[in-house]
PDB file of all heavy atoms in Angstrom:
ATOM      1  N   GLU A   1      82.250 104.521  97.402  1.00  0.00           N
ATOM      2  CA  GLU A   1      81.321 103.453  96.827  1.00  0.00           C
ATOM      3  C   GLU A   1      81.937 102.042  96.777  1.00  0.00           C
ATOM      4  O   GLU A   1      81.273 101.169  97.185  1.00  0.00           O
ATOM      5  CB  GLU A   1      80.911 103.833  95.390  1.00  0.00           C
ATOM      6  CG  GLU A   1      80.140 105.130  95.286  1.00  0.00           C
ATOM      7  CD  GLU A   1      81.058 106.272  95.016  1.00  0.00           C
ATOM      8  OE1 GLU A   1      82.272 106.279  95.352  1.00  0.00           O
ATOM      9  OE2 GLU A   1      80.621 107.148  94.240  1.00  0.00           O
ATOM     10  N   LEU A   2      83.251 101.904  96.408  1.00  0.00           N
ATOM     11  CA  LEU A   2      83.895 100.601  96.349  1.00  0.00           C
ATOM     12  C   LEU A   2      84.083  99.993  97.733  1.00  0.00           C
ATOM     13  O   LEU A   2      83.979  98.846  97.898  1.00  0.00           O
ATOM     14  CB  LEU A   2      85.182 100.810  95.560  1.00  0.00           C
ATOM     15  CG  LEU A   2      85.062 101.059  94.026  1.00  0.00           C
ATOM     16  CD1 LEU A   2      86.363 101.456  93.445  1.00  0.00           C
ATOM     17  CD2 LEU A   2      84.403  99.859  93.325  1.00  0.00           C
ATOM     18  N   SER A   3      84.427 100.846  98.737  1.00  0.00           N
ATOM     19  CA  SER A   3      84.671 100.302 100.021  1.00  0.00           C
ATOM     20  C   SER A   3      83.439  99.741 100.699  1.00  0.00           C
ATOM     21  O   SER A   3      83.522  98.966 101.673  1.00  0.00           O
ATOM     22  CB  SER A   3      85.367 101.380 100.949  1.00  0.00           C
ATOM     23  OG  SER A   3      84.470 102.526 101.103  1.00  0.00           O
ATOM     24  N   ARG A   4      82.273 100.179 100.187  1.00  0.00           N
ATOM     25  CA  ARG A   4      81.045  99.518 100.686  1.00  0.00           C
ATOM     26  C   ARG A   4      80.746  98.131 100.113  1.00  0.00           C
ATOM     27  O   ARG A   4      79.910  97.423 100.609  1.00  0.00           O
ATOM     28  CB  ARG A   4      79.832 100.487 100.428  1.00  0.00           C
ATOM     29  CG  ARG A   4      79.854 101.688 101.313  1.00  0.00           C
ATOM     30  CD  ARG A   4      78.570 102.490 101.222  1.00  0.00           C
ATOM     31  NE  ARG A   4      78.483 103.202 100.021  1.00  0.00           N
ATOM     32  CZ  ARG A   4      78.912 104.531  99.899  1.00  0.00           C
ATOM     33  NH1 ARG A   4      79.483 105.151 100.934  1.00  0.00           N
ATOM     34  NH2 ARG A   4      78.753 105.176  98.730  1.00  0.00           N
ATOM     35  N   ILE A   5      81.496  97.853  99.070  1.00  0.00           N
ATOM     36  CA  ILE A   5      81.347  96.520  98.358  1.00  0.00           C
ATOM     37  C   ILE A   5      82.315  95.501  98.987  1.00  0.00           C
ATOM     38  O   ILE A   5      81.966  94.382  99.287  1.00  0.00           O
ATOM     39  CB  ILE A   5      81.510  96.655  96.872  1.00  0.00           C
ATOM     40  CG1 ILE A   5      80.522  97.526  96.280  1.00  0.00           C
ATOM     41  CG2 ILE A   5      81.477  95.240  96.229  1.00  0.00           C
ATOM     42  CD1 ILE A   5      80.771  97.869  94.782  1.00  0.00           C
ATOM     43  N   ALA A   6      83.589  95.950  99.224  1.00  0.00           N
ATOM     44  CA  ALA A   6      84.596  95.087  99.725  1.00  0.00           C
ATOM     45  C   ALA A   6      85.770  95.937 100.225  1.00  0.00           C
ATOM     46  O   ALA A   6      85.810  97.109  99.962  1.00  0.00           O
ATOM     47  CB  ALA A   6      85.180  94.170  98.543  1.00  0.00           C
ATOM     48  N   PRO A   7      86.635  95.356 100.990  1.00  0.00           N
ATOM     49  CA  PRO A   7      87.798  96.088 101.526  1.00  0.00           C
ATOM     50  C   PRO A   7      88.576  96.796 100.386  1.00  0.00           C
ATOM     51  O   PRO A   7      88.884  96.111  99.398  1.00  0.00           O
ATOM     52  CB  PRO A   7      88.665  95.034 102.234  1.00  0.00           C
ATOM     53  CG  PRO A   7      87.639  94.026 102.614  1.00  0.00           C
ATOM     54  CD  PRO A   7      86.684  93.961 101.584  1.00  0.00           C
ATOM     55  N   THR A   8      88.819  98.091 100.498  1.00  0.00           N
ATOM     56  CA  THR A   8      89.416  98.768  99.384  1.00  0.00           C
ATOM     57  C   THR A   8      90.566  99.640  99.915  1.00  0.00           C
ATOM     58  O   THR A   8      90.527 100.179 100.987  1.00  0.00           O
ATOM     59  CB  THR A   8      88.359  99.728  98.719  1.00  0.00           C
ATOM     60  OG1 THR A   8      87.258  99.011  98.267  1.00  0.00           O
ATOM     61  CG2 THR A   8      88.970 100.549  97.633  1.00  0.00           C
ATOM     62  N   ILE A   9      91.675  99.665  99.117  1.00  0.00           N
ATOM     63  CA  ILE A   9      92.905 100.447  99.500  1.00  0.00           C
ATOM     64  C   ILE A   9      93.143 101.348  98.343  1.00  0.00           C
ATOM     65  O   ILE A   9      93.047 101.076  97.243  1.00  0.00           O
ATOM     66  CB  ILE A   9      94.090  99.555  99.914  1.00  0.00           C
ATOM     67  CG1 ILE A   9      94.480  98.664  98.784  1.00  0.00           C
ATOM     68  CG2 ILE A   9      93.792  98.696 101.136  1.00  0.00           C
ATOM     69  CD1 ILE A   9      95.865  97.945  98.954  1.00  0.00           C
ATOM     70  N   ASP A  10      93.560 102.620  98.718  1.00  0.00           N
ATOM     71  CA  ASP A  10      93.877 103.637  97.737  1.00  0.00           C
ATOM     72  C   ASP A  10      95.367 103.880  97.763  1.00  0.00           C
ATOM     73  O   ASP A  10      96.014 104.385  98.724  1.00  0.00           O
ATOM     74  CB  ASP A  10      93.152 104.944  98.122  1.00  0.00           C
ATOM     75  CG  ASP A  10      93.480 106.100  97.170  1.00  0.00           C
ATOM     76  OD1 ASP A  10      94.270 105.880  96.163  1.00  0.00           O
ATOM     77  OD2 ASP A  10      93.025 107.202  97.454  1.00  0.00           O
ATOM     78  N   LEU A  11      96.018 103.433  96.644  1.00  0.00           N
ATOM     79  CA  LEU A  11      97.460 103.570  96.547  1.00  0.00           C
ATOM     80  C   LEU A  11      97.935 104.844  95.770  1.00  0.00           C
ATOM     81  O   LEU A  11      99.012 104.787  95.131  1.00  0.00           O
ATOM     82  CB  LEU A  11      98.070 102.291  95.921  1.00  0.00           C
ATOM     83  CG  LEU A  11      97.863 101.037  96.714  1.00  0.00           C
ATOM     84  CD1 LEU A  11      98.569  99.874  96.161  1.00  0.00           C
ATOM     85  CD2 LEU A  11      98.204 101.176  98.229  1.00  0.00           C
ATOM     86  N   THR A  12      97.095 105.912  95.768  1.00  0.00           N
ATOM     87  CA  THR A  12      97.521 107.141  95.173  1.00  0.00           C
ATOM     88  C   THR A  12      98.883 107.645  95.788  1.00  0.00           C
ATOM     89  O   THR A  12      99.089 107.602  96.938  1.00  0.00           O
ATOM     90  CB  THR A  12      96.422 108.200  95.342  1.00  0.00           C
ATOM     91  OG1 THR A  12      95.306 107.756  94.751  1.00  0.00           O
ATOM     92  CG2 THR A  12      96.885 109.547  94.763  1.00  0.00           C
ATOM     93  N   VAL A  13      99.753 108.079  94.908  1.00  0.00           N
ATOM     94  CA  VAL A  13     101.086 108.601  95.327  1.00  0.00           C
ATOM     95  C   VAL A  13     101.078 110.064  95.051  1.00  0.00           C
ATOM     96  O   VAL A  13     100.743 110.509  93.962  1.00  0.00           O
ATOM     97  CB  VAL A  13     102.215 107.917  94.520  1.00  0.00           C
ATOM     98  CG1 VAL A  13     103.514 108.562  94.844  1.00  0.00           C
ATOM     99  CG2 VAL A  13     102.203 106.456  94.846  1.00  0.00           C
ATOM    100  N   ALA A  14     101.455 110.914  96.037  1.00  0.00           N
ATOM    101  CA  ALA A  14     101.649 112.331  95.861  1.00  0.00           C
ATOM    102  C   ALA A  14     102.711 112.633  94.844  1.00  0.00           C
ATOM    103  O   ALA A  14     103.800 111.995  94.996  1.00  0.00           O
ATOM    104  CB  ALA A  14     101.885 112.945  97.244  1.00  0.00           C
ATOM    105  N   PRO A  15     102.531 113.600  93.881  1.00  0.00           N
ATOM    106  CA  PRO A  15     103.516 113.868  92.935  1.00  0.00           C
ATOM    107  C   PRO A  15     104.841 114.310  93.553  1.00  0.00           C
ATOM    108  O   PRO A  15     105.924 113.914  92.946  1.00  0.00           O
ATOM    109  CB  PRO A  15     102.908 115.006  92.144  1.00  0.00           C
ATOM    110  CG  PRO A  15     101.448 114.848  92.303  1.00  0.00           C
ATOM    111  CD  PRO A  15     101.263 114.313  93.696  1.00  0.00           C
ATOM    112  N   ASP A  16     104.894 114.996  94.660  1.00  0.00           N
ATOM    113  CA  ASP A  16     106.101 115.516  95.243  1.00  0.00           C
ATOM    114  C   ASP A  16     106.721 114.431  96.133  1.00  0.00           C
ATOM    115  O   ASP A  16     107.742 114.647  96.770  1.00  0.00           O
ATOM    116  CB  ASP A  16     105.908 116.714  96.061  1.00  0.00           C
ATOM    117  CG  ASP A  16     104.923 116.560  97.215  1.00  0.00           C
ATOM    118  OD1 ASP A  16     104.262 115.488  97.320  1.00  0.00           O
ATOM    119  OD2 ASP A  16     104.666 117.567  97.886  1.00  0.00           O
ATOM    120  N   ASP A  17     106.159 113.158  96.127  1.00  0.00           N
ATOM    121  CA  ASP A  17     106.759 112.082  96.873  1.00  0.00           C
ATOM    122  C   ASP A  17     106.702 110.802  95.969  1.00  0.00           C
ATOM    123  O   ASP A  17     106.539 109.672  96.527  1.00  0.00           O
ATOM    124  CB  ASP A  17     105.916 111.841  98.182  1.00  0.00           C
ATOM    125  CG  ASP A  17     106.574 110.904  99.179  1.00  0.00           C
ATOM    126  OD1 ASP A  17     107.797 110.856  99.262  1.00  0.00           O
ATOM    127  OD2 ASP A  17     105.869 110.149  99.851  1.00  0.00           O
ATOM    128  N   PHE A  18     106.951 110.949  94.767  1.00  0.00           N
ATOM    129  CA  PHE A  18     106.701 109.939  93.803  1.00  0.00           C
ATOM    130  C   PHE A  18     107.531 108.691  93.988  1.00  0.00           C
ATOM    131  O   PHE A  18     107.083 107.531  94.189  1.00  0.00           O
ATOM    132  CB  PHE A  18     106.876 110.418  92.389  1.00  0.00           C
ATOM    133  CG  PHE A  18     106.721 109.465  91.366  1.00  0.00           C
ATOM    134  CD1 PHE A  18     105.398 109.049  90.908  1.00  0.00           C
ATOM    135  CD2 PHE A  18     107.788 108.818  90.722  1.00  0.00           C
ATOM    136  CE1 PHE A  18     105.226 108.112  89.897  1.00  0.00           C
ATOM    137  CE2 PHE A  18     107.610 107.829  89.708  1.00  0.00           C
ATOM    138  CZ  PHE A  18     106.293 107.466  89.313  1.00  0.00           C
ATOM    139  N   LEU A  19     108.837 108.865  94.075  1.00  0.00           N
ATOM    140  CA  LEU A  19     109.753 107.665  94.184  1.00  0.00           C
ATOM    141  C   LEU A  19     109.572 106.943  95.540  1.00  0.00           C
ATOM    142  O   LEU A  19     109.370 105.707  95.521  1.00  0.00           O
ATOM    143  CB  LEU A  19     111.261 108.158  94.063  1.00  0.00           C
ATOM    144  CG  LEU A  19     111.591 108.650  92.616  1.00  0.00           C
ATOM    145  CD1 LEU A  19     113.037 109.158  92.652  1.00  0.00           C
ATOM    146  CD2 LEU A  19     111.378 107.528  91.516  1.00  0.00           C
ATOM    147  N   ASP A  20     109.611 107.655  96.590  1.00  0.00           N
ATOM    148  CA  ASP A  20     109.413 107.030  97.873  1.00  0.00           C
ATOM    149  C   ASP A  20     108.033 106.480  98.008  1.00  0.00           C
ATOM    150  O   ASP A  20     107.832 105.312  98.626  1.00  0.00           O
ATOM    151  CB  ASP A  20     109.717 107.975  99.056  1.00  0.00           C
ATOM    152  CG  ASP A  20     111.162 108.326  99.201  1.00  0.00           C
ATOM    153  OD1 ASP A  20     111.980 107.580  98.726  1.00  0.00           O
ATOM    154  OD2 ASP A  20     111.449 109.344  99.822  1.00  0.00           O
ATOM    155  N   GLY A  21     107.001 107.097  97.534  1.00  0.00           N
ATOM    156  CA  GLY A  21     105.674 106.586  97.579  1.00  0.00           C
ATOM    157  C   GLY A  21     105.518 105.334  96.719  1.00  0.00           C
ATOM    158  O   GLY A  21     104.799 104.369  97.244  1.00  0.00           O
ATOM    159  N   ALA A  22     106.099 105.347  95.606  1.00  0.00           N
ATOM    160  CA  ALA A  22     106.015 104.109  94.744  1.00  0.00           C
ATOM    161  C   ALA A  22     106.662 102.897  95.453  1.00  0.00           C
ATOM    162  O   ALA A  22     106.164 101.759  95.436  1.00  0.00           O
ATOM    163  CB  ALA A  22     106.648 104.332  93.375  1.00  0.00           C
ATOM    164  N   LYS A  23     107.836 103.156  96.068  1.00  0.00           N
ATOM    165  CA  LYS A  23     108.477 102.034  96.782  1.00  0.00           C
ATOM    166  C   LYS A  23     107.719 101.620  98.053  1.00  0.00           C
ATOM    167  O   LYS A  23     107.610 100.471  98.303  1.00  0.00           O
ATOM    168  CB  LYS A  23     109.895 102.491  97.135  1.00  0.00           C
ATOM    169  CG  LYS A  23     110.858 102.622  95.980  1.00  0.00           C
ATOM    170  CD  LYS A  23     112.287 102.902  96.343  1.00  0.00           C
ATOM    171  CE  LYS A  23     112.487 104.259  96.774  1.00  0.00           C
ATOM    172  NZ  LYS A  23     113.963 104.582  97.138  1.00  0.00           N
ATOM    173  N   ARG A  24     107.096 102.505  98.769  1.00  0.00           N
ATOM    174  CA  ARG A  24     106.241 102.163  99.951  1.00  0.00           C
ATOM    175  C   ARG A  24     105.019 101.262  99.420  1.00  0.00           C
ATOM    176  O   ARG A  24     104.732 100.301 100.114  1.00  0.00           O
ATOM    177  CB  ARG A  24     105.712 103.380 100.670  1.00  0.00           C
ATOM    178  CG  ARG A  24     106.742 104.062 101.500  1.00  0.00           C
ATOM    179  CD  ARG A  24     106.107 105.044 102.451  1.00  0.00           C
ATOM    180  NE  ARG A  24     105.291 106.071 101.825  1.00  0.00           N
ATOM    181  CZ  ARG A  24     105.837 107.262 101.377  1.00  0.00           C
ATOM    182  NH1 ARG A  24     107.110 107.566 101.570  1.00  0.00           N
ATOM    183  NH2 ARG A  24     105.032 108.099 100.734  1.00  0.00           N
ATOM    184  N   ASN A  25     104.449 101.722  98.380  1.00  0.00           N
ATOM    185  CA  ASN A  25     103.304 100.852  97.806  1.00  0.00           C
ATOM    186  C   ASN A  25     103.729  99.486  97.464  1.00  0.00           C
ATOM    187  O   ASN A  25     103.026  98.501  97.734  1.00  0.00           O
ATOM    188  CB  ASN A  25     102.691 101.627  96.607  1.00  0.00           C
ATOM    189  CG  ASN A  25     101.775 102.723  97.028  1.00  0.00           C
ATOM    190  OD1 ASN A  25     101.430 102.832  98.172  1.00  0.00           O
ATOM    191  ND2 ASN A  25     101.389 103.560  96.051  1.00  0.00           N
ATOM    192  N   ALA A  26     104.939  99.342  96.808  1.00  0.00           N
ATOM    193  CA  ALA A  26     105.407  98.015  96.463  1.00  0.00           C
ATOM    194  C   ALA A  26     105.668  97.168  97.691  1.00  0.00           C
ATOM    195  O   ALA A  26     105.332  96.003  97.725  1.00  0.00           O
ATOM    196  CB  ALA A  26     106.717  98.194  95.672  1.00  0.00           C
ATOM    197  N   ALA A  27     106.279  97.771  98.785  1.00  0.00           N
ATOM    198  CA  ALA A  27     106.521  97.039  99.996  1.00  0.00           C
ATOM    199  C   ALA A  27     105.125  96.662 100.630  1.00  0.00           C
ATOM    200  O   ALA A  27     105.016  95.564 101.166  1.00  0.00           O
ATOM    201  CB  ALA A  27     107.331  97.898 100.941  1.00  0.00           C
ATOM    202  N   LEU A  28     104.230  97.547 100.613  1.00  0.00           N
ATOM    203  CA  LEU A  28     102.890  97.263 101.188  1.00  0.00           C
ATOM    204  C   LEU A  28     102.229  96.147 100.494  1.00  0.00           C
ATOM    205  O   LEU A  28     101.682  95.138 101.144  1.00  0.00           O
ATOM    206  CB  LEU A  28     102.020  98.495 101.107  1.00  0.00           C
ATOM    207  CG  LEU A  28     100.534  98.355 101.577  1.00  0.00           C
ATOM    208  CD1 LEU A  28     100.506  97.991 103.010  1.00  0.00           C
ATOM    209  CD2 LEU A  28      99.746  99.608 101.373  1.00  0.00           C
ATOM    210  N   LEU A  29     102.250  96.125  99.147  1.00  0.00           N
ATOM    211  CA  LEU A  29     101.667  94.981  98.418  1.00  0.00           C
ATOM    212  C   LEU A  29     102.364  93.663  98.704  1.00  0.00           C
ATOM    213  O   LEU A  29     101.814  92.621  98.729  1.00  0.00           O
ATOM    214  CB  LEU A  29     101.661  95.397  96.905  1.00  0.00           C
ATOM    215  CG  LEU A  29     100.698  96.386  96.461  1.00  0.00           C
ATOM    216  CD1 LEU A  29     100.909  96.830  95.023  1.00  0.00           C
ATOM    217  CD2 LEU A  29      99.211  96.007  96.686  1.00  0.00           C
ATOM    218  N   GLY A  30     103.673  93.795  98.822  1.00  0.00           N
ATOM    219  CA  GLY A  30     104.491  92.603  99.253  1.00  0.00           C
ATOM    220  C   GLY A  30     103.983  92.023 100.570  1.00  0.00           C
ATOM    221  O   GLY A  30     103.868  90.855 100.729  1.00  0.00           O
ATOM    222  N   ASP A  31     103.745  92.942 101.507  1.00  0.00           N
ATOM    223  CA  ASP A  31     103.233  92.454 102.869  1.00  0.00           C
ATOM    224  C   ASP A  31     101.889  91.864 102.727  1.00  0.00           C
ATOM    225  O   ASP A  31     101.613  90.830 103.370  1.00  0.00           O
ATOM    226  CB  ASP A  31     103.173  93.663 103.827  1.00  0.00           C
ATOM    227  CG  ASP A  31     104.536  94.226 104.229  1.00  0.00           C
ATOM    228  OD1 ASP A  31     105.500  93.480 103.989  1.00  0.00           O
ATOM    229  OD2 ASP A  31     104.635  95.365 104.731  1.00  0.00           O
ATOM    230  N   ILE A  32     101.007  92.467 101.985  1.00  0.00           N
ATOM    231  CA  ILE A  32      99.641  91.935 101.922  1.00  0.00           C
ATOM    232  C   ILE A  32      99.602  90.532 101.301  1.00  0.00           C
ATOM    233  O   ILE A  32      98.862  89.689 101.761  1.00  0.00           O
ATOM    234  CB  ILE A  32      98.806  92.936 101.101  1.00  0.00           C
ATOM    235  CG1 ILE A  32      98.560  94.209 101.734  1.00  0.00           C
ATOM    236  CG2 ILE A  32      97.442  92.230 100.662  1.00  0.00           C
ATOM    237  CD1 ILE A  32      97.896  95.282 100.963  1.00  0.00           C
ATOM    238  N   PHE A  33     100.465  90.254 100.340  1.00  0.00           N
ATOM    239  CA  PHE A  33     100.336  89.021  99.558  1.00  0.00           C
ATOM    240  C   PHE A  33     101.473  87.986  99.878  1.00  0.00           C
ATOM    241  O   PHE A  33     101.655  87.043  99.203  1.00  0.00           O
ATOM    242  CB  PHE A  33     100.334  89.295  98.087  1.00  0.00           C
ATOM    243  CG  PHE A  33      99.022  89.990  97.683  1.00  0.00           C
ATOM    244  CD1 PHE A  33      99.064  91.313  97.412  1.00  0.00           C
ATOM    245  CD2 PHE A  33      97.916  89.348  97.477  1.00  0.00           C
ATOM    246  CE1 PHE A  33      97.933  92.048  97.084  1.00  0.00           C
ATOM    247  CE2 PHE A  33      96.733  89.907  97.081  1.00  0.00           C
ATOM    248  CZ  PHE A  33      96.722  91.279  96.924  1.00  0.00           C
ATOM    249  N   GLY A  34     102.147  88.299 100.992  1.00  0.00           N
ATOM    250  CA  GLY A  34     103.346  87.355 101.357  1.00  0.00           C
ATOM    251  C   GLY A  34     104.379  87.341 100.412  1.00  0.00           C
ATOM    252  O   GLY A  34     105.089  86.347 100.245  1.00  0.00           O
ATOM    253  N   LYS A  35     104.683  88.505  99.769  1.00  0.00           N
ATOM    254  CA  LYS A  35     105.731  88.590  98.773  1.00  0.00           C
ATOM    255  C   LYS A  35     106.823  89.596  99.290  1.00  0.00           C
ATOM    256  O   LYS A  35     107.401  90.289  98.495  1.00  0.00           O
ATOM    257  CB  LYS A  35     105.216  89.011  97.449  1.00  0.00           C
ATOM    258  CG  LYS A  35     104.188  88.126  96.820  1.00  0.00           C
ATOM    259  CD  LYS A  35     104.768  86.923  96.170  1.00  0.00           C
ATOM    260  CE  LYS A  35     103.718  86.023  95.386  1.00  0.00           C
ATOM    261  NZ  LYS A  35     104.386  84.924  94.647  1.00  0.00           N
ATOM    262  N   GLU A  36     107.068  89.579 100.596  1.00  0.00           N
ATOM    263  CA  GLU A  36     107.924  90.611 101.136  1.00  0.00           C
ATOM    264  C   GLU A  36     109.323  90.470 100.559  1.00  0.00           C
ATOM    265  O   GLU A  36     109.907  91.511 100.254  1.00  0.00           O
ATOM    266  CB  GLU A  36     108.049  90.366 102.647  1.00  0.00           C
ATOM    267  CG  GLU A  36     106.703  90.651 103.409  1.00  0.00           C
ATOM    268  CD  GLU A  36     105.901  89.383 103.655  1.00  0.00           C
ATOM    269  OE1 GLU A  36     106.183  88.401 102.885  1.00  0.00           O
ATOM    270  OE2 GLU A  36     104.958  89.452 104.427  1.00  0.00           O
ATOM    271  N   GLU A  37     109.888  89.265 100.401  1.00  0.00           N
ATOM    272  CA  GLU A  37     111.218  89.145  99.875  1.00  0.00           C
ATOM    273  C   GLU A  37     111.319  89.540  98.425  1.00  0.00           C
ATOM    274  O   GLU A  37     112.305  90.213  98.081  1.00  0.00           O
ATOM    275  CB  GLU A  37     111.691  87.629 100.070  1.00  0.00           C
ATOM    276  CG  GLU A  37     111.850  87.268 101.512  1.00  0.00           C
ATOM    277  CD  GLU A  37     112.462  85.873 101.526  1.00  0.00           C
ATOM    278  OE1 GLU A  37     112.789  85.198 100.535  1.00  0.00           O
ATOM    279  OE2 GLU A  37     112.567  85.409 102.709  1.00  0.00           O
ATOM    280  N   GLU A  38     110.343  89.187  97.677  1.00  0.00           N
ATOM    281  CA  GLU A  38     110.370  89.573  96.274  1.00  0.00           C
ATOM    282  C   GLU A  38     110.353  91.116  96.126  1.00  0.00           C
ATOM    283  O   GLU A  38     111.072  91.691  95.304  1.00  0.00           O
ATOM    284  CB  GLU A  38     109.178  88.911  95.503  1.00  0.00           C
ATOM    285  CG  GLU A  38     109.303  87.447  95.357  1.00  0.00           C
ATOM    286  CD  GLU A  38     108.568  86.751  96.447  1.00  0.00           C
ATOM    287  OE1 GLU A  38     108.479  87.253  97.542  1.00  0.00           O
ATOM    288  OE2 GLU A  38     108.009  85.646  96.185  1.00  0.00           O
ATOM    289  N   ALA A  39     109.435  91.693  96.901  1.00  0.00           N
ATOM    290  CA  ALA A  39     109.265  93.173  96.842  1.00  0.00           C
ATOM    291  C   ALA A  39     110.596  93.892  97.301  1.00  0.00           C
ATOM    292  O   ALA A  39     111.081  94.837  96.643  1.00  0.00           O
ATOM    293  CB  ALA A  39     108.141  93.656  97.693  1.00  0.00           C
TER     294      ALA A  39
END
């Protein structure tokens, strides 16, 4: 429903990949918003 309103991304992290998944999401958000160095 939300993706029909605007571009939507799902950052759900699998429980058995929690730490690496959380870090990947942080790096991805850094890329999206030009905050690569901060991330």
